[in-house]
Amino acid sequence: MRRGADDVEEDLPGNAARVGKYFLDRLQALKGRHKAVVGARGMGLILGLELSVPARGVVAGCMERGLLVLTAGDGVLRFVPPLIVTEADVDRAVGIVEQALAALPA
């Protein structure tokens, strides 16, 4: 069953916890697919993707593809989506991050 915006807005803390776990799981899965990914960390919807390369290159790649992300130091991508984010939004964001990672020089 697809959750609508009204359903999400009724339980923002629950949505943040549920989607945050989903997002963290998706980010952690990147570690096995991209050598630049060291790990993922965070709580709720405040998440970080730890990298072995400077994060600014991945930030630029994400921005070119329409995803705005921040850094938290030199080697961490910071994600702070809105509380109404959905799993579908996360899937799109992680897909863009994967494209940006794949475009890094070898």
PDB file of N, CA and C in Angstrom:
ATOM      1  N   MET A   1       0.840  -1.183   0.000  1.00  0.00           N
ATOM      2  CA  MET A   1       0.000   0.000   0.000  1.00  0.00           C
ATOM      3  C   MET A   1       0.884   1.245   0.000  1.00  0.00           C
ATOM      4  N   ARG A   2       0.635   2.124  -0.915  1.00  0.00           N
ATOM      5  CA  ARG A   2       1.421   3.356  -1.015  1.00  0.00           C
ATOM      6  C   ARG A   2       0.912   4.353   0.017  1.00  0.00           C
ATOM      7  N   ARG A   3       1.848   4.911   0.761  1.00  0.00           N
ATOM      8  CA  ARG A   3       1.494   5.917   1.761  1.00  0.00           C
ATOM      9  C   ARG A   3       1.389   7.267   1.080  1.00  0.00           C
ATOM     10  N   GLY A   4       0.358   7.988   1.399  1.00  0.00           N
ATOM     11  CA  GLY A   4       0.167   9.320   0.847  1.00  0.00           C
ATOM     12  C   GLY A   4       0.791  10.374   1.737  1.00  0.00           C
ATOM     13  N   ALA A   5       0.864  11.592   1.218  1.00  0.00           N
ATOM     14  CA  ALA A   5       1.456  12.704   1.976  1.00  0.00           C
ATOM     15  C   ALA A   5       0.703  12.935   3.280  1.00  0.00           C
ATOM     16  N   ASP A   6      -0.621  12.785   3.256  1.00  0.00           N
ATOM     17  CA  ASP A   6      -1.395  12.996   4.480  1.00  0.00           C
ATOM     18  C   ASP A   6      -1.031  11.970   5.548  1.00  0.00           C
ATOM     19  N   ASP A   7      -0.821  10.710   5.133  1.00  0.00           N
ATOM     20  CA  ASP A   7      -0.446   9.668   6.083  1.00  0.00           C
ATOM     21  C   ASP A   7       0.903   9.977   6.715  1.00  0.00           C
ATOM     22  N   VAL A   8       1.849  10.403   5.904  1.00  0.00           N
ATOM     23  CA  VAL A   8       3.191  10.714   6.391  1.00  0.00           C
ATOM     24  C   VAL A   8       3.144  11.876   7.369  1.00  0.00           C
ATOM     25  N   GLU A   9       2.411  12.919   7.020  1.00  0.00           N
ATOM     26  CA  GLU A   9       2.365  14.116   7.863  1.00  0.00           C
ATOM     27  C   GLU A   9       1.698  13.863   9.205  1.00  0.00           C
ATOM     28  N   GLU A  10       0.860  12.842   9.292  1.00  0.00           N
ATOM     29  CA  GLU A  10       0.207  12.536  10.560  1.00  0.00           C
ATOM     30  C   GLU A  10       1.172  11.927  11.568  1.00  0.00           C
ATOM     31  N   ASP A  11       2.236  11.294  11.110  1.00  0.00           N
ATOM     32  CA  ASP A  11       3.184  10.631  12.002  1.00  0.00           C
ATOM     33  C   ASP A  11       4.611  10.941  11.564  1.00  0.00           C
ATOM     34  N   LEU A  12       5.011  12.201  11.676  1.00  0.00           N
ATOM     35  CA  LEU A  12       6.354  12.592  11.242  1.00  0.00           C
ATOM     36  C   LEU A  12       7.458  11.858  12.009  1.00  0.00           C
ATOM     37  N   PRO A  13       7.379  11.727  13.334  1.00  0.00           N
ATOM     38  CA  PRO A  13       8.442  10.988  14.032  1.00  0.00           C
ATOM     39  C   PRO A  13       8.525   9.527  13.589  1.00  0.00           C
ATOM     40  N   GLY A  14       7.387   8.902  13.403  1.00  0.00           N
ATOM     41  CA  GLY A  14       7.375   7.511  12.942  1.00  0.00           C
ATOM     42  C   GLY A  14       7.935   7.380  11.539  1.00  0.00           C
ATOM     43  N   ASN A  15       7.564   8.325  10.672  1.00  0.00           N
ATOM     44  CA  ASN A  15       8.092   8.312   9.311  1.00  0.00           C
ATOM     45  C   ASN A  15       9.600   8.513   9.320  1.00  0.00           C
ATOM     46  N   ALA A  16      10.081   9.438  10.146  1.00  0.00           N
ATOM     47  CA  ALA A  16      11.523   9.692  10.225  1.00  0.00           C
ATOM     48  C   ALA A  16      12.266   8.439  10.680  1.00  0.00           C
ATOM     49  N   ALA A  17      11.739   7.741  11.651  1.00  0.00           N
ATOM     50  CA  ALA A  17      12.392   6.528  12.150  1.00  0.00           C
ATOM     51  C   ALA A  17      12.382   5.430  11.093  1.00  0.00           C
ATOM     52  N   ARG A  18      11.231   5.203  10.484  1.00  0.00           N
ATOM     53  CA  ARG A  18      11.080   4.129   9.500  1.00  0.00           C
ATOM     54  C   ARG A  18      11.920   4.394   8.252  1.00  0.00           C
ATOM     55  N   VAL A  19      11.766   5.575   7.674  1.00  0.00           N
ATOM     56  CA  VAL A  19      12.484   5.895   6.444  1.00  0.00           C
ATOM     57  C   VAL A  19      13.977   6.099   6.733  1.00  0.00           C
ATOM     58  N   GLY A  20      14.301   6.613   7.917  1.00  0.00           N
ATOM     59  CA  GLY A  20      15.704   6.752   8.282  1.00  0.00           C
ATOM     60  C   GLY A  20      16.416   5.414   8.327  1.00  0.00           C
ATOM     61  N   LYS A  21      15.772   4.396   8.881  1.00  0.00           N
ATOM     62  CA  LYS A  21      16.363   3.053   8.912  1.00  0.00           C
ATOM     63  C   LYS A  21      16.515   2.518   7.495  1.00  0.00           C
ATOM     64  N   TYR A  22      15.489   2.706   6.676  1.00  0.00           N
ATOM     65  CA  TYR A  22      15.546   2.266   5.285  1.00  0.00           C
ATOM     66  C   TYR A  22      16.698   2.958   4.559  1.00  0.00           C
ATOM     67  N   PHE A  23      16.837   4.264   4.756  1.00  0.00           N
ATOM     68  CA  PHE A  23      17.882   5.053   4.114  1.00  0.00           C
ATOM     69  C   PHE A  23      19.266   4.570   4.572  1.00  0.00           C
ATOM     70  N   LEU A  24      19.440   4.376   5.872  1.00  0.00           N
ATOM     71  CA  LEU A  24      20.712   3.916   6.400  1.00  0.00           C
ATOM     72  C   LEU A  24      21.068   2.541   5.829  1.00  0.00           C
ATOM     73  N   ASP A  25      20.094   1.647   5.757  1.00  0.00           N
ATOM     74  CA  ASP A  25      20.339   0.319   5.174  1.00  0.00           C
ATOM     75  C   ASP A  25      20.780   0.430   3.718  1.00  0.00           C
ATOM     76  N   ARG A  26      20.120   1.301   2.965  1.00  0.00           N
ATOM     77  CA  ARG A  26      20.488   1.490   1.546  1.00  0.00           C
ATOM     78  C   ARG A  26      21.892   2.072   1.416  1.00  0.00           C
ATOM     79  N   LEU A  27      22.257   3.014   2.290  1.00  0.00           N
ATOM     80  CA  LEU A  27      23.600   3.588   2.248  1.00  0.00           C
ATOM     81  C   LEU A  27      24.653   2.554   2.643  1.00  0.00           C
ATOM     82  N   GLN A  28      24.373   1.749   3.659  1.00  0.00           N
ATOM     83  CA  GLN A  28      25.323   0.725   4.078  1.00  0.00           C
ATOM     84  C   GLN A  28      25.564  -0.294   2.974  1.00  0.00           C
ATOM     85  N   ALA A  29      24.556  -0.556   2.172  1.00  0.00           N
ATOM     86  CA  ALA A  29      24.702  -1.512   1.071  1.00  0.00           C
ATOM     87  C   ALA A  29      25.660  -1.003  -0.004  1.00  0.00           C
ATOM     88  N   LEU A  30      25.886   0.296  -0.067  1.00  0.00           N
ATOM     89  CA  LEU A  30      26.814   0.851  -1.056  1.00  0.00           C
ATOM     90  C   LEU A  30      28.248   0.413  -0.785  1.00  0.00           C
ATOM     91  N   LYS A  31      28.559   0.086   0.451  1.00  0.00           N
ATOM     92  CA  LYS A  31      29.921  -0.298   0.823  1.00  0.00           C
ATOM     93  C   LYS A  31      30.389  -1.501   0.020  1.00  0.00           C
ATOM     94  N   GLY A  32      29.540  -2.442  -0.204  1.00  0.00           N
ATOM     95  CA  GLY A  32      29.918  -3.631  -0.955  1.00  0.00           C
ATOM     96  C   GLY A  32      30.015  -3.410  -2.457  1.00  0.00           C
ATOM     97  N   ARG A  33      29.495  -2.290  -2.934  1.00  0.00           N
ATOM     98  CA  ARG A  33      29.463  -2.053  -4.384  1.00  0.00           C
ATOM     99  C   ARG A  33      30.426  -0.977  -4.857  1.00  0.00           C
ATOM    100  N   HIS A  34      30.920  -0.142  -3.946  1.00  0.00           N
ATOM    101  CA  HIS A  34      31.800   0.968  -4.339  1.00  0.00           C
ATOM    102  C   HIS A  34      32.983   1.031  -3.375  1.00  0.00           C
ATOM    103  N   LYS A  35      34.192   0.928  -3.929  1.00  0.00           N
ATOM    104  CA  LYS A  35      35.375   0.893  -3.066  1.00  0.00           C
ATOM    105  C   LYS A  35      35.611   2.205  -2.336  1.00  0.00           C
ATOM    106  N   ALA A  36      35.035   3.306  -2.807  1.00  0.00           N
ATOM    107  CA  ALA A  36      35.201   4.599  -2.139  1.00  0.00           C
ATOM    108  C   ALA A  36      34.346   4.712  -0.873  1.00  0.00           C
ATOM    109  N   VAL A  37      33.405   3.797  -0.685  1.00  0.00           N
ATOM    110  CA  VAL A  37      32.507   3.860   0.479  1.00  0.00           C
ATOM    111  C   VAL A  37      33.099   3.059   1.629  1.00  0.00           C
ATOM    112  N   VAL A  38      33.313   3.735   2.753  1.00  0.00           N
ATOM    113  CA  VAL A  38      33.860   3.115   3.953  1.00  0.00           C
ATOM    114  C   VAL A  38      32.739   2.602   4.847  1.00  0.00           C
ATOM    115  N   GLY A  39      31.636   3.327   4.913  1.00  0.00           N
ATOM    116  CA  GLY A  39      30.521   2.930   5.758  1.00  0.00           C
ATOM    117  C   GLY A  39      29.475   4.021   5.815  1.00  0.00           C
ATOM    118  N   ALA A  40      28.435   3.769   6.602  1.00  0.00           N
ATOM    119  CA  ALA A  40      27.354   4.736   6.779  1.00  0.00           C
ATOM    120  C   ALA A  40      27.025   4.814   8.257  1.00  0.00           C
ATOM    121  N   ARG A  41      26.566   5.987   8.676  1.00  0.00           N
ATOM    122  CA  ARG A  41      26.238   6.191  10.085  1.00  0.00           C
ATOM    123  C   ARG A  41      25.121   7.218  10.191  1.00  0.00           C
ATOM    124  N   GLY A  42      24.530   7.280  11.368  1.00  0.00           N
ATOM    125  CA  GLY A  42      23.531   8.300  11.618  1.00  0.00           C
ATOM    126  C   GLY A  42      22.391   7.794  12.465  1.00  0.00           C
ATOM    127  N   MET A  43      21.437   8.698  12.656  1.00  0.00           N
ATOM    128  CA  MET A  43      20.262   8.387  13.460  1.00  0.00           C
ATOM    129  C   MET A  43      19.076   9.116  12.857  1.00  0.00           C
ATOM    130  N   GLY A  44      17.964   8.418  12.774  1.00  0.00           N
ATOM    131  CA  GLY A  44      16.783   9.034  12.163  1.00  0.00           C
ATOM    132  C   GLY A  44      17.096   9.412  10.730  1.00  0.00           C
ATOM    133  N   LEU A  45      16.824  10.648  10.380  1.00  0.00           N
ATOM    134  CA  LEU A  45      17.066  11.112   9.015  1.00  0.00           C
ATOM    135  C   LEU A  45      18.339  11.947   8.879  1.00  0.00           C
ATOM    136  N   ILE A  46      19.156  11.996   9.914  1.00  0.00           N
ATOM    137  CA  ILE A  46      20.443  12.692   9.814  1.00  0.00           C
ATOM    138  C   ILE A  46      21.504  11.617   9.628  1.00  0.00           C
ATOM    139  N   LEU A  47      21.969  11.469   8.382  1.00  0.00           N
ATOM    140  CA  LEU A  47      22.823  10.350   8.016  1.00  0.00           C
ATOM    141  C   LEU A  47      24.097  10.819   7.342  1.00  0.00           C
ATOM    142  N   GLY A  48      25.115   9.986   7.405  1.00  0.00           N
ATOM    143  CA  GLY A  48      26.377  10.283   6.745  1.00  0.00           C
ATOM    144  C   GLY A  48      26.904   9.061   6.022  1.00  0.00           C
ATOM    145  N   LEU A  49      27.485   9.281   4.864  1.00  0.00           N
ATOM    146  CA  LEU A  49      28.138   8.230   4.094  1.00  0.00           C
ATOM    147  C   LEU A  49      29.633   8.510   4.151  1.00  0.00           C
ATOM    148  N   GLU A  50      30.366   7.634   4.808  1.00  0.00           N
ATOM    149  CA  GLU A  50      31.804   7.803   4.982  1.00  0.00           C
ATOM    150  C   GLU A  50      32.539   7.336   3.730  1.00  0.00           C
ATOM    151  N   LEU A  51      33.435   8.173   3.235  1.00  0.00           N
ATOM    152  CA  LEU A  51      34.154   7.895   1.993  1.00  0.00           C
ATOM    153  C   LEU A  51      35.657   7.860   2.224  1.00  0.00           C
ATOM    154  N   SER A  52      36.348   7.130   1.361  1.00  0.00           N
ATOM    155  CA  SER A  52      37.812   7.105   1.400  1.00  0.00           C
ATOM    156  C   SER A  52      38.406   8.125   0.439  1.00  0.00           C
ATOM    157  N   VAL A  53      37.554   8.893  -0.210  1.00  0.00           N
ATOM    158  CA  VAL A  53      37.966   9.932  -1.159  1.00  0.00           C
ATOM    159  C   VAL A  53      37.348  11.252  -0.689  1.00  0.00           C
ATOM    160  N   PRO A  54      37.845  12.386  -1.170  1.00  0.00           N
ATOM    161  CA  PRO A  54      37.219  13.653  -0.789  1.00  0.00           C
ATOM    162  C   PRO A  54      35.745  13.704  -1.194  1.00  0.00           C
ATOM    163  N   ALA A  55      34.917  14.080  -0.268  1.00  0.00           N
ATOM    164  CA  ALA A  55      33.472  14.097  -0.503  1.00  0.00           C
ATOM    165  C   ALA A  55      33.057  15.131  -1.545  1.00  0.00           C
ATOM    166  N   ARG A  56      33.841  16.183  -1.719  1.00  0.00           N
ATOM    167  CA  ARG A  56      33.427  17.259  -2.620  1.00  0.00           C
ATOM    168  C   ARG A  56      33.226  16.774  -4.057  1.00  0.00           C
ATOM    169  N   GLY A  57      33.988  15.755  -4.496  1.00  0.00           N
ATOM    170  CA  GLY A  57      33.802  15.208  -5.840  1.00  0.00           C
ATOM    171  C   GLY A  57      32.462  14.514  -5.993  1.00  0.00           C
ATOM    172  N   VAL A  58      32.053  13.811  -4.957  1.00  0.00           N
ATOM    173  CA  VAL A  58      30.750  13.127  -4.992  1.00  0.00           C
ATOM    174  C   VAL A  58      29.626  14.150  -4.866  1.00  0.00           C
ATOM    175  N   VAL A  59      29.824  15.172  -4.046  1.00  0.00           N
ATOM    176  CA  VAL A  59      28.832  16.249  -3.927  1.00  0.00           C
ATOM    177  C   VAL A  59      28.595  16.883  -5.292  1.00  0.00           C
ATOM    178  N   ALA A  60      29.680  17.182  -6.008  1.00  0.00           N
ATOM    179  CA  ALA A  60      29.544  17.791  -7.344  1.00  0.00           C
ATOM    180  C   ALA A  60      28.811  16.863  -8.291  1.00  0.00           C
ATOM    181  N   GLY A  61      29.137  15.569  -8.253  1.00  0.00           N
ATOM    182  CA  GLY A  61      28.450  14.599  -9.110  1.00  0.00           C
ATOM    183  C   GLY A  61      26.973  14.488  -8.792  1.00  0.00           C
ATOM    184  N   CYS A  62      26.637  14.542  -7.522  1.00  0.00           N
ATOM    185  CA  CYS A  62      25.223  14.498  -7.116  1.00  0.00           C
ATOM    186  C   CYS A  62      24.495  15.753  -7.591  1.00  0.00           C
ATOM    187  N   MET A  63      25.128  16.900  -7.416  1.00  0.00           N
ATOM    188  CA  MET A  63      24.495  18.163  -7.832  1.00  0.00           C
ATOM    189  C   MET A  63      24.251  18.186  -9.336  1.00  0.00           C
ATOM    190  N   GLU A  64      25.194  17.669 -10.116  1.00  0.00           N
ATOM    191  CA  GLU A  64      25.016  17.602 -11.569  1.00  0.00           C
ATOM    192  C   GLU A  64      23.807  16.757 -11.951  1.00  0.00           C
ATOM    193  N   ARG A  65      23.467  15.824 -11.098  1.00  0.00           N
ATOM    194  CA  ARG A  65      22.357  14.903 -11.358  1.00  0.00           C
ATOM    195  C   ARG A  65      21.073  15.301 -10.637  1.00  0.00           C
ATOM    196  N   GLY A  66      21.089  16.447  -9.961  1.00  0.00           N
ATOM    197  CA  GLY A  66      19.876  16.972  -9.351  1.00  0.00           C
ATOM    198  C   GLY A  66      19.660  16.663  -7.885  1.00  0.00           C
ATOM    199  N   LEU A  67      20.686  16.174  -7.193  1.00  0.00           N
ATOM    200  CA  LEU A  67      20.561  15.877  -5.764  1.00  0.00           C
ATOM    201  C   LEU A  67      21.487  16.791  -4.979  1.00  0.00           C
ATOM    202  N   LEU A  68      20.928  17.523  -4.045  1.00  0.00           N
ATOM    203  CA  LEU A  68      21.728  18.398  -3.190  1.00  0.00           C
ATOM    204  C   LEU A  68      22.102  17.656  -1.919  1.00  0.00           C
ATOM    205  N   VAL A  69      23.397  17.506  -1.696  1.00  0.00           N
ATOM    206  CA  VAL A  69      23.916  16.893  -0.475  1.00  0.00           C
ATOM    207  C   VAL A  69      24.998  17.809   0.078  1.00  0.00           C
ATOM    208  N   LEU A  70      25.316  17.617   1.331  1.00  0.00           N
ATOM    209  CA  LEU A  70      26.327  18.422   2.013  1.00  0.00           C
ATOM    210  C   LEU A  70      27.511  17.539   2.378  1.00  0.00           C
ATOM    211  N   THR A  71      28.552  18.162   2.904  1.00  0.00           N
ATOM    212  CA  THR A  71      29.652  17.398   3.470  1.00  0.00           C
ATOM    213  C   THR A  71      29.654  17.593   4.981  1.00  0.00           C
ATOM    214  N   ALA A  72      30.273  16.649   5.644  1.00  0.00           N
ATOM    215  CA  ALA A  72      30.524  16.756   7.084  1.00  0.00           C
ATOM    216  C   ALA A  72      31.995  16.406   7.241  1.00  0.00           C
ATOM    217  N   GLY A  73      32.850  17.365   7.022  1.00  0.00           N
ATOM    218  CA  GLY A  73      34.278  17.106   6.969  1.00  0.00           C
ATOM    219  C   GLY A  73      34.677  16.750   5.545  1.00  0.00           C
ATOM    220  N   ASP A  74      35.906  16.329   5.385  1.00  0.00           N
ATOM    221  CA  ASP A  74      36.421  16.059   4.040  1.00  0.00           C
ATOM    222  C   ASP A  74      35.902  14.775   3.423  1.00  0.00           C
ATOM    223  N   GLY A  75      35.602  13.779   4.249  1.00  0.00           N
ATOM    224  CA  GLY A  75      35.278  12.474   3.704  1.00  0.00           C
ATOM    225  C   GLY A  75      33.906  11.931   4.032  1.00  0.00           C
ATOM    226  N   VAL A  76      32.940  12.788   4.320  1.00  0.00           N
ATOM    227  CA  VAL A  76      31.597  12.310   4.661  1.00  0.00           C
ATOM    228  C   VAL A  76      30.554  13.113   3.904  1.00  0.00           C
ATOM    229  N   LEU A  77      29.642  12.397   3.236  1.00  0.00           N
ATOM    230  CA  LEU A  77      28.456  13.036   2.650  1.00  0.00           C
ATOM    231  C   LEU A  77      27.394  13.102   3.730  1.00  0.00           C
ATOM    232  N   ARG A  78      26.763  14.226   3.886  1.00  0.00           N
ATOM    233  CA  ARG A  78      25.722  14.401   4.901  1.00  0.00           C
ATOM    234  C   ARG A  78      24.363  14.466   4.213  1.00  0.00           C
ATOM    235  N   PHE A  79      23.431  13.702   4.733  1.00  0.00           N
ATOM    236  CA  PHE A  79      22.060  13.693   4.230  1.00  0.00           C
ATOM    237  C   PHE A  79      21.135  14.159   5.346  1.00  0.00           C
ATOM    238  N   VAL A  80      20.330  15.171   5.073  1.00  0.00           N
ATOM    239  CA  VAL A  80      19.349  15.674   6.034  1.00  0.00           C
ATOM    240  C   VAL A  80      18.061  15.970   5.260  1.00  0.00           C
ATOM    241  N   PRO A  81      17.339  14.916   4.871  1.00  0.00           N
ATOM    242  CA  PRO A  81      16.116  15.125   4.088  1.00  0.00           C
ATOM    243  C   PRO A  81      14.979  15.645   4.969  1.00  0.00           C
ATOM    244  N   PRO A  82      13.918  16.130   4.341  1.00  0.00           N
ATOM    245  CA  PRO A  82      12.760  16.587   5.116  1.00  0.00           C
ATOM    246  C   PRO A  82      12.071  15.419   5.810  1.00  0.00           C
ATOM    247  N   LEU A  83      11.352  15.719   6.855  1.00  0.00           N
ATOM    248  CA  LEU A  83      10.671  14.670   7.621  1.00  0.00           C
ATOM    249  C   LEU A  83       9.597  13.937   6.822  1.00  0.00           C
ATOM    250  N   ILE A  84       9.159  14.493   5.720  1.00  0.00           N
ATOM    251  CA  ILE A  84       8.123  13.853   4.910  1.00  0.00           C
ATOM    252  C   ILE A  84       8.711  13.001   3.779  1.00  0.00           C
ATOM    253  N   VAL A  85      10.013  12.752   3.799  1.00  0.00           N
ATOM    254  CA  VAL A  85      10.664  11.946   2.771  1.00  0.00           C
ATOM    255  C   VAL A  85      10.041  10.541   2.747  1.00  0.00           C
ATOM    256  N   THR A  86      10.016   9.956   1.561  1.00  0.00           N
ATOM    257  CA  THR A  86       9.454   8.608   1.392  1.00  0.00           C
ATOM    258  C   THR A  86      10.555   7.642   0.961  1.00  0.00           C
ATOM    259  N   GLU A  87      10.246   6.348   1.000  1.00  0.00           N
ATOM    260  CA  GLU A  87      11.185   5.339   0.528  1.00  0.00           C
ATOM    261  C   GLU A  87      11.503   5.553  -0.951  1.00  0.00           C
ATOM    262  N   ALA A  88      10.523   5.971  -1.733  1.00  0.00           N
ATOM    263  CA  ALA A  88      10.757   6.237  -3.162  1.00  0.00           C
ATOM    264  C   ALA A  88      11.751   7.385  -3.339  1.00  0.00           C
ATOM    265  N   ASP A  89      11.642   8.416  -2.503  1.00  0.00           N
ATOM    266  CA  ASP A  89      12.610   9.521  -2.544  1.00  0.00           C
ATOM    267  C   ASP A  89      14.013   9.007  -2.222  1.00  0.00           C
ATOM    268  N   VAL A  90      14.101   8.150  -1.230  1.00  0.00           N
ATOM    269  CA  VAL A  90      15.391   7.577  -0.831  1.00  0.00           C
ATOM    270  C   VAL A  90      15.973   6.760  -1.980  1.00  0.00           C
ATOM    271  N   ASP A  91      15.142   5.964  -2.623  1.00  0.00           N
ATOM    272  CA  ASP A  91      15.620   5.160  -3.746  1.00  0.00           C
ATOM    273  C   ASP A  91      16.201   6.039  -4.850  1.00  0.00           C
ATOM    274  N   ARG A  92      15.526   7.131  -5.155  1.00  0.00           N
ATOM    275  CA  ARG A  92      16.036   8.055  -6.182  1.00  0.00           C
ATOM    276  C   ARG A  92      17.359   8.678  -5.735  1.00  0.00           C
ATOM    277  N   ALA A  93      17.429   9.101  -4.482  1.00  0.00           N
ATOM    278  CA  ALA A  93      18.647   9.736  -3.968  1.00  0.00           C
ATOM    279  C   ALA A  93      19.824   8.763  -3.982  1.00  0.00           C
ATOM    280  N   VAL A  94      19.603   7.549  -3.519  1.00  0.00           N
ATOM    281  CA  VAL A  94      20.687   6.566  -3.487  1.00  0.00           C
ATOM    282  C   VAL A  94      21.120   6.209  -4.909  1.00  0.00           C
ATOM    283  N   GLY A  95      20.181   6.160  -5.838  1.00  0.00           N
ATOM    284  CA  GLY A  95      20.535   5.918  -7.235  1.00  0.00           C
ATOM    285  C   GLY A  95      21.450   7.007  -7.777  1.00  0.00           C
ATOM    286  N   ILE A  96      21.169   8.237  -7.433  1.00  0.00           N
ATOM    287  CA  ILE A  96      22.012   9.358  -7.870  1.00  0.00           C
ATOM    288  C   ILE A  96      23.385   9.280  -7.207  1.00  0.00           C
ATOM    289  N   VAL A  97      23.432   8.962  -5.940  1.00  0.00           N
ATOM    290  CA  VAL A  97      24.715   8.825  -5.248  1.00  0.00           C
ATOM    291  C   VAL A  97      25.539   7.710  -5.922  1.00  0.00           C
ATOM    292  N   GLU A  98      24.890   6.622  -6.261  1.00  0.00           N
ATOM    293  CA  GLU A  98      25.603   5.530  -6.943  1.00  0.00           C
ATOM    294  C   GLU A  98      26.164   5.983  -8.284  1.00  0.00           C
ATOM    295  N   GLN A  99      25.406   6.754  -9.019  1.00  0.00           N
ATOM    296  CA  GLN A  99      25.896   7.262 -10.299  1.00  0.00           C
ATOM    297  C   GLN A  99      27.107   8.163 -10.079  1.00  0.00           C
ATOM    298  N   ALA A 100      27.047   9.011  -9.082  1.00  0.00           N
ATOM    299  CA  ALA A 100      28.162   9.916  -8.791  1.00  0.00           C
ATOM    300  C   ALA A 100      29.397   9.131  -8.354  1.00  0.00           C
ATOM    301  N   LEU A 101      29.205   8.081  -7.560  1.00  0.00           N
ATOM    302  CA  LEU A 101      30.321   7.248  -7.135  1.00  0.00           C
ATOM    303  C   LEU A 101      30.929   6.513  -8.332  1.00  0.00           C
ATOM    304  N   ALA A 102      30.079   6.009  -9.203  1.00  0.00           N
ATOM    305  CA  ALA A 102      30.567   5.273 -10.374  1.00  0.00           C
ATOM    306  C   ALA A 102      31.351   6.170 -11.320  1.00  0.00           C
ATOM    307  N   ALA A 103      31.062   7.461 -11.304  1.00  0.00           N
ATOM    308  CA  ALA A 103      31.737   8.400 -12.200  1.00  0.00           C
ATOM    309  C   ALA A 103      33.088   8.885 -11.655  1.00  0.00           C
ATOM    310  N   LEU A 104      33.433   8.497 -10.420  1.00  0.00           N
ATOM    311  CA  LEU A 104      34.728   8.908  -9.861  1.00  0.00           C
ATOM    312  C   LEU A 104      35.862   8.270 -10.653  1.00  0.00           C
ATOM    313  N   PRO A 105      36.981   8.971 -10.777  1.00  0.00           N
ATOM    314  CA  PRO A 105      38.135   8.361 -11.451  1.00  0.00           C
ATOM    315  C   PRO A 105      38.617   7.137 -10.686  1.00  0.00           C
ATOM    316  N   ALA A 106      39.034   6.145 -11.411  1.00  0.00           N
ATOM    317  CA  ALA A 106      39.480   4.878 -10.785  1.00  0.00           C
ATOM    318  C   ALA A 106      40.784   5.000 -10.060  1.00  0.00           C
TER     319      ALA A 106
END
